[in-house]
Protein backbone atom coordinates (compact mmCIF):
# COMPACT_ATOMS: atom_id res chain seq x y z
CA ALA A 1 7.65 22.95 -57.39
CA VAL A 2 5.84 21.22 -54.69
CA THR A 3 8.24 17.77 -56.26
CA ASP A 4 11.22 19.55 -56.49
CA PHE A 5 11.07 20.54 -53.43
CA LEU A 6 10.28 17.22 -52.10
CA GLN A 7 12.73 15.68 -54.34
CA ASN A 8 15.70 17.59 -53.76
CA ASP A 9 15.35 20.08 -50.80
CA LEU A 10 14.33 17.16 -48.47
CA LEU A 11 14.30 13.48 -49.97
CA GLY A 12 16.96 14.30 -52.13
CA GLN A 13 19.04 15.76 -49.01
CA ALA A 14 20.07 12.31 -47.92
CA GLY A 15 22.91 11.89 -50.18
CA SER A 16 26.03 13.61 -50.44
CA ALA A 17 25.65 15.07 -53.77
CA ALA A 18 21.86 16.37 -53.33
CA GLN A 19 23.30 18.35 -50.38
CA ALA A 20 26.30 20.02 -52.20
CA ASN A 21 24.63 21.22 -54.82
CA ARG A 22 21.91 23.04 -52.23
CA SER A 23 25.00 24.86 -50.89
CA HIS A 24 25.32 22.61 -47.85
CA GLU A 25 28.52 20.95 -46.22
CA PRO A 26 27.65 16.93 -47.28
CA ASN A 27 27.14 14.96 -44.73
CA PRO A 28 26.88 11.56 -45.05
CA ASN A 29 25.37 11.19 -41.32
CA LEU A 30 22.66 13.75 -41.66
CA THR A 31 19.23 13.04 -38.91
CA VAL A 32 15.77 14.08 -40.13
CA ARG A 33 16.44 16.79 -37.81
CA GLU A 34 19.18 18.71 -40.24
CA THR A 35 17.05 17.49 -42.99
CA LEU A 36 13.47 20.04 -41.60
CA ASP A 37 16.03 22.61 -41.21
CA ARG A 38 17.02 22.85 -44.67
CA ALA A 39 13.92 22.68 -46.42
CA ALA A 40 12.16 25.04 -44.22
CA ALA A 41 15.60 27.35 -45.24
CA ALA A 42 14.41 26.84 -48.55
CA ILE A 43 11.00 26.64 -48.60
CA SER A 44 10.37 30.83 -48.66
CA THR A 45 12.09 31.46 -51.58
CA LYS A 46 11.03 27.55 -53.48
CA PHE A 47 6.83 28.77 -53.11
CA GLN A 48 7.67 32.82 -53.33
CA GLY A 49 3.72 33.39 -55.12
CA HIS A 50 1.94 30.61 -54.13
CA PRO A 51 1.44 31.33 -50.33
CA GLU A 52 -1.28 28.11 -50.06
CA VAL A 53 1.62 25.23 -51.07
CA GLU A 54 3.77 27.04 -48.57
CA ALA A 55 1.52 27.53 -45.44
CA LYS A 56 0.43 22.92 -46.22
CA LEU A 57 4.74 22.25 -46.66
CA ARG A 58 5.34 24.67 -43.45
CA ARG A 59 2.06 22.88 -41.19
CA THR A 60 3.67 19.15 -42.22
CA MET A 61 6.87 20.20 -41.66
CA ALA A 62 5.62 21.88 -37.90
CA ASN A 63 3.92 18.28 -37.18
CA ALA A 64 7.51 16.67 -38.14
CA TYR A 65 9.37 18.90 -35.88
CA GLN A 66 7.05 18.26 -32.96
CA GLU A 67 6.80 14.79 -33.15
CA LEU A 68 10.73 15.20 -32.76
CA GLY A 69 10.50 17.07 -30.00
CA GLU A 70 11.69 20.25 -31.63
CA PHE A 71 9.01 22.75 -30.20
CA ALA A 72 9.62 25.79 -30.79
CA ARG A 73 10.60 24.91 -34.40
CA ALA A 74 7.34 23.85 -34.58
CA VAL A 75 5.81 26.75 -33.02
CA GLY A 76 7.86 28.94 -35.71
CA GLN A 77 6.40 27.75 -38.96
CA TYR A 78 2.81 26.50 -37.28
CA ARG A 79 3.02 30.18 -36.91
CA ILE A 80 3.63 31.48 -40.37
CA ALA A 81 1.65 28.68 -41.80
CA ALA A 82 -1.35 30.27 -39.59
CA GLU A 83 -0.59 34.08 -41.38
CA LEU A 84 -0.57 32.66 -44.14
CA PHE A 85 -3.63 30.69 -44.13
CA GLU A 86 -5.14 34.37 -42.66
CA LYS A 87 -4.13 36.55 -45.37
CA LEU A 88 -6.01 33.93 -47.97
CA HIS A 89 -8.90 32.68 -46.33
CA GLY A 90 -9.43 34.97 -43.10
CA ASP A 91 -9.37 34.60 -39.53
CA ASN A 92 -12.05 32.20 -39.00
CA HIS A 93 -12.04 29.65 -42.44
CA ARG A 94 -10.80 26.36 -41.26
CA GLU A 95 -7.38 26.01 -42.49
CA THR A 96 -6.94 29.13 -40.37
CA GLN A 97 -8.59 27.21 -36.72
CA LEU A 98 -6.67 24.43 -38.04
CA THR A 99 -3.41 25.78 -37.85
CA ARG A 100 -3.93 27.82 -34.91
CA LEU A 101 -5.52 24.88 -33.28
CA GLN A 102 -2.19 22.98 -34.00
CA LEU A 103 -0.14 26.36 -32.98
CA ALA A 104 -1.89 26.29 -29.43
CA GLY A 105 -0.86 23.00 -29.10
CA ALA A 106 3.04 23.16 -29.87
CA LEU A 107 2.93 26.61 -27.46
CA ARG A 108 2.13 24.43 -24.70
CA GLU A 109 4.43 21.35 -25.31
CA ASP A 110 7.13 24.57 -25.64
CA TRP A 111 5.69 26.30 -22.09
CA LYS A 112 4.18 29.16 -23.79
CA LEU A 113 0.98 28.56 -22.06
CA VAL A 114 -0.34 32.07 -21.54
CA GLU A 115 -0.35 32.49 -25.38
CA ALA A 116 -1.43 28.97 -26.49
CA ILE A 117 -4.32 29.22 -23.47
CA ALA A 118 -5.51 32.79 -25.59
CA ILE A 119 -5.82 31.38 -28.85
CA TYR A 120 -7.27 27.58 -27.08
CA GLU A 121 -10.29 30.82 -25.69
CA LYS A 122 -10.33 32.43 -28.88
CA LEU A 123 -11.17 29.20 -31.53
CA ARG A 124 -13.67 27.82 -28.14
CA GLU A 125 -14.97 31.44 -28.40
CA GLN A 126 -15.37 30.66 -32.64
CA HIS A 127 -16.40 27.71 -32.30
CA ARG A 128 -18.99 28.07 -30.56
CA ASN A 129 -20.48 30.66 -33.35
CA THR A 130 -19.50 27.99 -36.49
CA LEU A 131 -19.18 24.34 -35.14
CA PRO A 132 -21.18 22.29 -33.33
CA PRO A 133 -19.80 21.08 -29.81
CA ASP A 134 -19.25 17.74 -30.73
CA HIS A 135 -17.54 18.66 -34.14
CA PRO A 136 -13.64 16.80 -33.44
CA HIS A 137 -11.94 20.80 -34.10
CA ALA A 138 -14.19 21.88 -31.45
CA LEU A 139 -13.70 19.00 -28.96
CA ASN A 140 -9.69 19.20 -29.90
CA ALA A 141 -9.67 23.16 -28.60
CA ARG A 142 -11.40 22.42 -25.48
CA HIS A 143 -8.91 19.31 -24.63
CA GLY A 144 -6.20 21.79 -25.46
CA LEU A 145 -7.66 24.66 -23.59
CA ALA A 146 -8.39 22.46 -20.37
CA VAL A 147 -4.76 20.40 -20.75
CA ALA A 148 -3.16 24.00 -20.52
CA TRP A 149 -5.67 25.02 -17.49
CA ARG A 150 -4.35 21.73 -15.58
CA VAL A 151 -0.23 22.26 -16.07
CA ILE A 152 -0.43 26.59 -14.91
CA GLY A 153 -2.52 25.39 -11.69
CA ARG A 154 -6.04 25.85 -12.54
CA SER A 155 -7.20 21.59 -11.66
CA ARG A 156 -10.87 22.90 -10.88
CA GLU A 157 -11.29 24.25 -14.37
CA ALA A 158 -9.31 21.61 -16.10
CA MET A 159 -11.27 18.89 -14.01
CA ALA A 160 -14.67 20.02 -15.36
CA LEU A 161 -14.10 21.35 -18.60
CA LEU A 162 -12.22 17.61 -19.19
CA GLN A 163 -15.49 16.20 -18.18
CA GLU A 164 -17.41 17.21 -20.30
CA VAL A 165 -15.42 16.96 -23.11
CA TYR A 166 -15.30 13.19 -22.14
CA GLU A 167 -18.63 12.82 -21.83
CA ASP A 168 -19.01 14.66 -25.46
CA ARG A 169 -16.22 12.03 -27.14
CA LYS A 170 -18.09 9.44 -25.64
CA ARG A 171 -21.25 10.05 -27.42
CA ALA A 172 -19.94 11.06 -30.72
CA GLN A 173 -16.64 8.87 -30.87
CA GLY A 174 -17.36 5.93 -28.44
CA PRO A 175 -16.37 4.72 -25.38
CA ASN A 176 -13.00 3.74 -26.43
CA ASP A 177 -11.83 6.00 -29.35
CA PRO A 178 -8.42 6.31 -29.16
CA ARG A 179 -9.19 10.20 -28.52
CA THR A 180 -12.16 9.71 -26.08
CA LEU A 181 -8.78 7.63 -23.68
CA THR A 182 -6.60 10.15 -24.57
CA THR A 183 -9.15 12.77 -23.15
CA LEU A 184 -9.80 10.57 -19.62
CA ASP A 185 -5.82 10.05 -19.32
CA ASN A 186 -5.95 13.56 -19.37
CA LEU A 187 -8.88 13.83 -16.39
CA ALA A 188 -6.71 11.66 -14.20
CA THR A 189 -3.80 13.56 -14.50
CA THR A 190 -5.55 16.28 -12.30
CA TYR A 191 -6.85 13.89 -10.02
CA ILE A 192 -3.06 13.82 -9.54
CA GLU A 193 -2.84 17.30 -9.20
CA SER A 194 -5.39 17.59 -6.82
CA GLY A 195 -4.66 15.37 -3.98
CA HIS A 196 -6.00 12.50 -5.50
CA PRO A 197 -3.32 9.69 -7.13
CA ARG A 198 -5.49 6.55 -6.21
CA ARG A 199 -8.40 7.56 -8.47
CA ALA A 200 -5.54 8.62 -10.89
CA VAL A 201 -4.47 5.30 -10.37
CA GLU A 202 -7.32 3.29 -11.53
CA LEU A 203 -8.37 5.27 -14.24
CA LEU A 204 -5.16 5.17 -16.44
CA GLN A 205 -5.07 1.18 -15.46
CA LYS A 206 -8.43 1.37 -17.13
CA VAL A 207 -7.47 3.33 -20.18
CA ARG A 208 -3.80 1.99 -20.14
CA ASP A 209 -5.97 -2.00 -20.49
CA ALA A 210 -8.68 -0.33 -23.51
CA MET A 211 -5.33 1.56 -25.62
CA GLU A 212 -3.41 -1.84 -24.80
CA LYS A 213 -6.06 -4.11 -26.21
CA LEU A 214 -7.38 -1.11 -29.19
CA LEU A 215 -3.67 -0.14 -30.17
CA GLY A 216 -1.82 -2.69 -29.37
CA PRO A 217 1.78 -2.52 -26.95
CA ASP A 218 3.85 -0.55 -28.76
CA HIS A 219 1.81 2.25 -29.64
CA PRO A 220 2.83 5.63 -28.20
CA ASP A 221 -0.63 7.04 -26.88
CA LEU A 222 -0.05 3.48 -25.18
CA LEU A 223 3.55 5.06 -24.20
CA LEU A 224 2.23 8.55 -22.93
CA THR A 225 -0.23 6.78 -20.25
CA LEU A 226 2.36 4.26 -18.87
CA GLY A 227 4.70 7.32 -18.43
CA ASN A 228 1.57 9.54 -16.97
CA LEU A 229 0.75 5.88 -14.78
CA ALA A 230 3.42 6.12 -13.43
CA THR A 231 3.49 9.86 -12.17
CA ALA A 232 0.58 8.83 -10.28
CA HIS A 233 2.19 5.49 -9.14
CA ASN A 234 4.46 7.79 -7.51
CA ALA A 235 2.20 10.73 -6.29
CA ALA A 236 0.28 7.29 -4.39
CA LYS A 237 4.08 6.85 -3.02
CA ASN A 238 4.00 3.19 -4.47
CA GLY A 239 7.57 4.11 -5.83
CA THR A 240 8.42 0.08 -6.79
CA ALA A 241 4.89 0.28 -8.94
CA ALA A 242 6.11 3.54 -10.71
CA ARG A 243 9.80 1.79 -10.60
CA GLU A 244 8.55 -1.14 -12.90
CA ILE A 245 6.79 0.93 -15.22
CA TYR A 246 9.75 3.31 -15.84
CA LYS A 247 11.59 0.28 -17.08
CA LEU A 248 8.94 -1.27 -19.00
CA LEU A 249 9.16 2.49 -20.84
CA ILE A 250 12.39 2.46 -20.92
CA GLU A 251 12.53 -0.59 -22.46
CA LYS A 252 9.61 0.29 -25.54
CA ASN A 253 11.31 3.90 -26.23
CA THR A 254 14.89 2.59 -27.19
CA ARG A 255 13.44 -0.56 -29.01
CA ILE A 256 10.21 1.78 -31.02
CA HIS A 257 11.92 5.48 -30.81
CA GLY A 258 15.98 4.95 -30.40
CA PRO A 259 18.25 5.09 -26.94
CA ASP A 260 19.15 8.76 -27.95
CA ASP A 261 14.78 9.98 -28.29
CA HIS A 262 13.97 12.73 -26.16
CA ARG A 263 11.25 9.92 -24.99
CA THR A 264 13.83 7.22 -23.91
CA LEU A 265 15.70 9.81 -21.93
CA ARG A 266 12.67 10.95 -19.77
CA ALA A 267 11.65 7.75 -19.31
CA GLN A 268 14.90 7.26 -17.45
CA ALA A 269 14.81 10.71 -15.49
CA GLY A 270 11.37 9.56 -14.31
CA LEU A 271 13.12 6.21 -13.43
CA ALA A 272 16.11 7.87 -11.55
CA SER A 273 13.50 9.83 -9.65
CA ALA A 274 11.32 6.60 -8.59
CA MET A 275 14.47 5.17 -7.40
CA ILE A 276 15.04 7.78 -4.87
CA ASP A 277 12.03 8.02 -3.96
CA CYS A 278 11.82 3.64 -3.20
CA GLY A 279 15.72 4.95 -0.90
CA GLU A 280 18.16 4.08 -3.59
CA THR A 281 19.13 8.08 -2.95
CA GLU A 282 22.71 7.29 -4.49
CA ALA A 283 21.73 5.31 -7.46
CA GLY A 284 19.09 7.57 -8.45
CA ILE A 285 21.37 10.45 -8.26
CA GLU A 286 23.41 8.74 -10.55
CA LEU A 287 21.12 7.60 -12.95
CA TYR A 288 20.05 11.45 -12.96
CA ARG A 289 23.93 12.78 -14.10
CA GLN A 290 23.71 10.30 -16.84
CA VAL A 291 20.61 11.08 -18.64
CA GLY A 292 22.01 14.71 -18.20
CA ASP A 293 25.19 14.13 -19.56
CA ARG A 294 23.84 12.14 -22.29
CA SER A 295 21.18 14.33 -23.41
CA GLU A 296 24.31 17.06 -23.08
CA LYS A 297 25.76 15.59 -25.38
CA LEU A 298 22.98 14.54 -27.39
CA PHE A 299 21.01 18.18 -27.44
CA GLY A 300 23.63 20.59 -25.98
CA ARG A 301 24.34 22.18 -22.51
CA ASP A 302 21.62 25.24 -23.31
CA ASP A 303 18.71 22.45 -24.74
CA LEU A 304 15.64 22.84 -22.64
CA HIS A 305 14.98 18.46 -22.05
CA THR A 306 18.79 19.04 -20.86
CA VAL A 307 18.06 21.87 -18.79
CA GLN A 308 15.22 20.09 -17.26
CA VAL A 309 16.64 17.37 -16.24
CA ARG A 310 19.75 19.14 -15.00
CA ALA A 311 17.08 20.75 -12.55
CA ASN A 312 15.29 17.77 -11.61
CA LEU A 313 18.87 16.99 -10.00
CA ALA A 314 19.42 20.34 -8.83
CA THR A 315 16.33 20.20 -6.21
CA VAL A 316 17.13 16.79 -5.03
CA CYS A 317 20.79 18.36 -4.36
CA TRP A 318 18.89 20.85 -2.75
CA LYS A 319 16.62 18.40 -0.32
CA ARG A 320 20.16 16.77 0.76
CA LYS A 321 21.83 20.03 1.29
CA LYS A 322 24.16 20.21 -1.11
CA TYR A 323 23.43 23.88 -1.78
CA ASP A 324 26.48 25.01 -4.38
CA GLU A 325 25.68 22.54 -6.36
CA ALA A 326 22.02 22.43 -6.22
CA ILE A 327 22.48 26.63 -7.11
CA ALA A 328 24.98 25.87 -9.53
CA LEU A 329 22.63 23.71 -11.68
CA LEU A 330 19.43 26.29 -10.95
CA GLU A 331 21.61 29.44 -11.72
CA HIS A 332 22.63 27.82 -14.99
CA ALA A 333 18.55 26.29 -15.50
CA LEU A 334 17.14 30.24 -15.06
CA ALA A 335 19.84 31.98 -17.58
CA VAL A 336 18.42 29.49 -20.45
CA ARG A 337 14.80 29.32 -19.77
CA ARG A 338 15.00 33.23 -19.27
CA LYS A 339 16.56 33.16 -22.70
CA SER A 340 14.61 30.33 -24.24
CA ILE A 341 11.01 30.78 -23.02
CA GLY A 342 11.61 34.30 -21.40
CA GLU A 343 10.75 35.53 -17.75
CA ALA A 344 7.03 35.06 -17.69
CA ASN A 345 6.90 31.76 -18.50
CA LEU A 346 6.10 28.90 -16.05
CA SER A 347 8.93 26.51 -15.97
CA THR A 348 11.18 29.80 -15.77
CA LEU A 349 9.78 30.60 -12.74
CA THR A 350 9.44 27.51 -11.07
CA THR A 351 12.91 27.41 -11.35
CA MET A 352 13.53 31.38 -10.33
CA ALA A 353 11.59 30.11 -7.32
CA ASN A 354 13.41 27.25 -6.33
CA LEU A 355 17.12 29.19 -6.66
CA GLY A 356 15.31 31.68 -4.28
CA CYS A 357 14.67 29.42 -1.77
CA CYS A 358 18.24 27.75 -2.44
CA TYR A 359 19.54 31.09 -1.66
CA ARG A 360 17.71 31.58 1.29
CA ASP A 361 18.52 27.92 2.73
CA ALA A 362 22.01 28.68 2.04
CA LYS A 363 22.17 31.53 4.00
CA ARG A 364 21.63 33.88 1.04
CA MET A 365 19.19 36.26 1.82
CA THR A 366 20.23 39.06 -0.68
CA ASP A 367 20.97 36.56 -3.88
CA ALA A 368 17.10 35.07 -2.37
CA MET A 369 14.57 38.17 -2.29
CA PRO A 370 15.17 39.68 -5.39
CA LEU A 371 14.23 36.50 -7.62
CA LEU A 372 11.40 35.12 -4.38
CA GLU A 373 9.43 38.43 -4.96
CA THR A 374 9.77 38.32 -8.96
CA ALA A 375 8.46 35.03 -8.50
CA PHE A 376 5.32 36.19 -6.60
CA ARG A 377 4.68 38.98 -8.91
CA GLY A 378 4.51 36.49 -11.75
CA ALA A 379 2.75 34.33 -10.77
CA ARG A 380 -0.41 35.44 -10.30
CA GLU A 381 -1.87 33.36 -13.17
CA TYR A 382 -0.14 30.38 -12.04
CA GLY A 383 -1.61 28.09 -9.66
CA ARG A 384 1.10 25.62 -9.31
CA LEU A 385 3.23 28.51 -7.43
CA ASN A 386 1.09 29.42 -4.88
CA TRP A 387 3.44 28.37 -2.84
CA VAL A 388 5.94 31.28 -4.02
CA GLY A 389 3.86 33.44 -2.05
CA GLU A 390 3.38 31.37 1.33
CA GLU A 391 6.99 30.99 1.23
CA LEU A 392 7.68 34.81 1.04
CA PHE A 393 5.05 35.56 3.70
CA ALA A 394 7.52 33.04 5.81
CA ILE A 395 10.29 35.29 4.88
CA HIS A 396 9.06 38.32 5.98
CA CYS A 397 7.37 36.79 9.50
CA ASN A 398 10.81 35.13 10.46
CA GLU A 399 13.12 38.20 9.80
CA LEU A 400 9.92 40.68 11.75
CA GLN A 401 9.09 42.36 8.40
CA ARG A 402 5.40 42.89 9.16
CA PRO A 403 3.84 45.35 7.17
CA GLU A 404 5.93 43.62 3.92
CA ALA A 405 4.30 40.17 5.11
CA MET A 406 0.50 41.51 5.18
CA ALA A 407 1.36 42.86 1.82
CA VAL A 408 1.99 39.29 0.77
CA LEU A 409 -0.40 37.83 2.25
CA LYS A 410 -3.34 40.10 1.21
CA GLU A 411 -2.33 40.10 -2.32
CA MET A 412 -2.61 35.92 -2.23
CA ILE A 413 -5.45 36.51 -0.91
CA ALA A 414 -6.64 39.22 -3.85
CA VAL A 415 -5.68 36.43 -6.53
CA ASP A 416 -7.50 33.60 -4.45
CA ARG A 417 -10.46 35.46 -4.88
CA ALA A 418 -10.00 36.07 -8.64
CA ARG A 419 -9.32 32.50 -9.27
CA PHE A 420 -12.06 30.72 -7.63
CA PRO A 421 -16.02 31.38 -7.63
CA ALA A 422 -17.38 32.78 -3.87
CA GLU A 423 -19.15 30.27 -1.94
CA SER A 424 -16.97 27.85 -3.86
CA PRO A 425 -14.62 24.98 -1.80
CA GLU A 426 -11.30 25.75 -3.29
CA LEU A 427 -12.08 29.39 -2.02
CA ALA A 428 -13.14 28.04 1.58
CA ILE A 429 -9.70 26.14 2.13
CA ARG A 430 -7.53 29.37 0.83
CA CYS A 431 -9.55 31.69 3.56
CA PHE A 432 -8.66 29.30 6.02
CA ALA A 433 -5.28 28.96 4.95
CA HIS A 434 -5.05 32.92 4.97
CA GLY A 435 -6.42 33.48 8.42
CA ARG A 436 -4.14 30.80 9.73
CA ALA A 437 -1.53 33.63 8.65
CA TYR A 438 -3.10 36.45 9.97
CA ILE A 439 -2.65 34.79 13.50
CA ARG A 440 0.86 34.29 12.45
CA ILE A 441 1.17 38.73 11.92
CA PHE A 442 -1.44 38.37 14.89
CA ALA A 443 -4.00 40.16 12.18
CA HIS A 444 -7.05 38.68 14.37
CA SER A 445 -10.11 40.61 13.22
CA ASP A 446 -8.72 40.28 9.44
CA ALA A 447 -8.56 36.43 10.88
CA GLU A 448 -11.22 36.40 11.85
CA ALA A 449 -13.34 37.77 9.17
CA LEU A 450 -11.54 34.74 6.40
CA PHE A 451 -12.43 32.34 9.15
CA ARG A 452 -16.10 33.36 9.27
CA GLU A 453 -15.83 33.62 5.57
CA SER A 454 -14.39 29.94 5.54
CA LEU A 455 -17.21 28.45 8.32
CA ALA A 456 -20.21 29.32 6.13
CA ILE A 457 -18.69 28.12 3.16
CA ARG A 458 -18.35 25.17 4.98
CA GLN A 459 -21.62 25.12 7.27
CA THR A 460 -22.79 25.12 3.28
CA LEU A 461 -21.03 22.11 1.49
CA ALA A 462 -19.54 19.75 4.43
CA PRO A 463 -21.54 20.86 7.31
CA ASP A 464 -20.24 17.32 8.78
CA ASP A 465 -16.82 17.56 8.00
CA TRP A 466 -13.67 17.87 10.21
CA GLN A 467 -12.60 20.37 8.82
CA THR A 468 -15.75 22.58 9.33
CA PHE A 469 -15.26 21.88 12.83
CA ASP A 470 -11.52 22.92 12.86
CA THR A 471 -12.84 26.05 11.15
CA ARG A 472 -15.05 26.88 13.76
CA PHE A 473 -12.53 26.29 16.53
CA MET A 474 -9.89 28.72 14.46
CA LEU A 475 -12.95 31.29 14.31
CA GLY A 476 -13.21 31.05 18.18
CA ALA A 477 -9.70 31.34 18.90
CA SER A 478 -9.48 34.56 16.48
CA VAL A 479 -12.40 35.84 18.48
CA LEU A 480 -10.19 34.62 21.81
CA ALA A 481 -7.16 36.49 20.85
CA GLN A 482 -9.26 39.95 20.87
CA LYS A 483 -10.31 39.57 24.12
CA ARG A 484 -14.35 37.91 23.45
CA PRO A 485 -14.24 34.50 25.39
CA ASP A 486 -17.71 34.76 25.70
CA GLU A 487 -18.20 35.00 21.85
CA ALA A 488 -15.32 32.60 21.84
CA GLU A 489 -16.25 29.37 24.28
CA PRO A 490 -19.22 28.18 22.25
CA LEU A 491 -17.09 27.93 19.42
CA LEU A 492 -13.99 26.28 20.61
CA ALA A 493 -15.90 24.17 22.85
CA ALA A 494 -18.03 23.00 19.70
CA GLY A 495 -14.97 22.47 17.01
CA PHE A 496 -13.37 20.75 19.58
CA ALA A 497 -15.81 18.36 19.99
CA GLY A 498 -16.89 18.19 16.59
CA MET A 499 -12.91 17.17 16.06
CA LYS A 500 -12.90 14.88 18.56
CA GLN A 501 -15.75 12.88 17.77
CA ARG A 502 -14.31 12.61 14.04
CA ARG A 503 -10.51 11.94 14.04
CA GLU A 504 -10.85 8.62 12.39
CA ARG A 505 -11.18 11.04 9.75
CA ILE A 506 -7.83 13.64 10.26
CA ASN A 507 -4.68 13.43 9.05
CA ASN A 508 -1.72 13.84 11.88
CA TYR A 509 -4.58 13.87 14.62
CA ARG A 510 -2.51 14.32 17.51
CA ASN A 511 -0.03 17.21 15.82
CA VAL A 512 -3.35 19.03 14.40
CA MET A 513 -5.64 19.19 18.17
CA THR A 514 -1.99 20.17 19.95
CA SER A 515 -1.12 23.02 17.75
CA ARG A 516 -5.06 24.12 17.96
CA LEU A 517 -5.24 23.01 22.11
CA GLU A 518 -2.04 25.46 22.68
CA LEU A 519 -3.37 28.26 20.95
CA VAL A 520 -6.16 28.93 23.24
CA VAL A 521 -4.24 28.08 25.87
CA LYS A 522 -1.67 30.72 25.15
CA TYR A 523 -4.44 33.38 24.57
CA TYR A 524 -5.70 32.68 27.73
CA GLN A 525 -2.72 33.21 29.64
CA ARG A 526 -1.51 36.12 27.83
CA GLN A 527 -4.82 37.86 29.06
CA LYS A 528 -4.02 36.59 32.72
CA ARG A 529 -7.41 34.30 32.55
CA HIS A 530 -6.08 31.54 34.71
CA GLU A 531 -9.13 29.57 35.29
CA ASP A 532 -9.55 28.99 31.72
CA ALA A 533 -5.75 28.85 30.85
CA ALA A 534 -6.43 26.12 33.25
CA ARG A 535 -9.05 24.45 32.11
CA TRP A 536 -7.76 23.87 28.29
CA GLN A 537 -4.34 22.97 29.90
CA ALA A 538 -5.93 19.83 30.98
CA GLU A 539 -7.81 18.73 28.03
CA LEU A 540 -4.39 19.46 26.78
CA ASP A 541 -2.57 17.29 29.56
CA THR A 542 -5.33 14.97 28.83
CA PHE A 543 -5.07 15.02 25.02
CA ASN A 544 -1.19 13.89 25.19
CA SER A 545 -1.39 11.40 28.13
CA ARG A 546 -3.60 9.47 25.46
CA SER A 547 -1.92 9.84 22.92
CA ASN A 548 1.18 8.73 24.56
CA LYS A 549 -0.28 5.22 25.43
């Protein structure tokens, strides 16, 4: 049965006569993708009563779909294979767990991240009881979980787990094993997302050199690393280096995979982005249009690769205030993603939020608010979408809707407390940001509580950091706003002096200091404490006069 399936339903489909014999319209240019589709349709009847064989063949076909970038089709085949293995052998059997691991990987690539994470976490628990920590399947499950965490914005947890997997792989598989290098590649990518792109560039260059020596200049894993290296250069404001890497990737992918492969088109879209970052805006936009048109011709207007390119172009149009074009592209992208991958998906929610902001900037607030509110409600699991709450909060503030702004802010605080451990640096950062937001809506006692929490963490973890002194200053400002000047003054003075001493460490030093001093002057003026207001105004004037020299 297996031989007949391979000869006639899969490999034999290259010929027109064989196609006709299987009740298909003869196609002399039948693609691998179409061949797989036809074989997938035949497999259930072909192997009825042979579930083990069917499961293994479906898993192999799923892998082929995944290689072609057909992640939804891969998910479907992996899912059936996993169910068959579970019925045959149970949930803890090696074949079941291996197939579920591959299913989670395909789900991740298909942006179904919540389900992927649930599978990875279940596998990690199962492996703790059945496999040593350095077993390849256990390492793969932990690695996949960390990558999925990174994608949804749980960067701190992802970085810690990737570091752990990297050390285990170095011991078990060696520092130059391709799997170890892939883990280091993903660890480097977390540095991009946590605001350290130069460190990412350093690590990715190390991975690139090792992979090229080990695997050769054209290996697919090396090409993935080159793509990540280009992204890191872009994030580090080195668009020229990114542009050259994308050009190299286009050449390699065209030669290895062909001009119409999704990897080639993705590299061309990356080049378009790098060109825009280098100031070649019109040429970059034109390349985006060409890539989108080519993808649409090859895969269809509603293909997710096509939609991604169009959504990237929409972002560029939005930034250039071409709202009509941006809105049309984002509306289509949102409709496709809602239908294809669901409303709760990170990609869908991101598109929804971008469209909401575009509506807002186009003065279409009645269209903007439902989208932003829906995106905000759906964003709780995705750290990458923190900015949606901040945008919604800003809109409520601008519309003088204080109760609504307060409700959004309280929900953001609750989400952050659930995401970050107590006394962690991330929680200190978020408490400080939310404290400033409370000041904006005149909730000074709430601001004070958050500034105190942030300061307590920072004094323990980084007592000499300029942000610790900034937090002390803002705590003093929130106390002053509540008409407690005697308590506020020591905090303000110590914070101000500490920031001045550390000015070399502060980006946008002038803007930071000006905003802080103006706030204190305003509070004293409101309380008619004219001498104190004049004293801090003198500091502001002195600061501005020195900054202007």
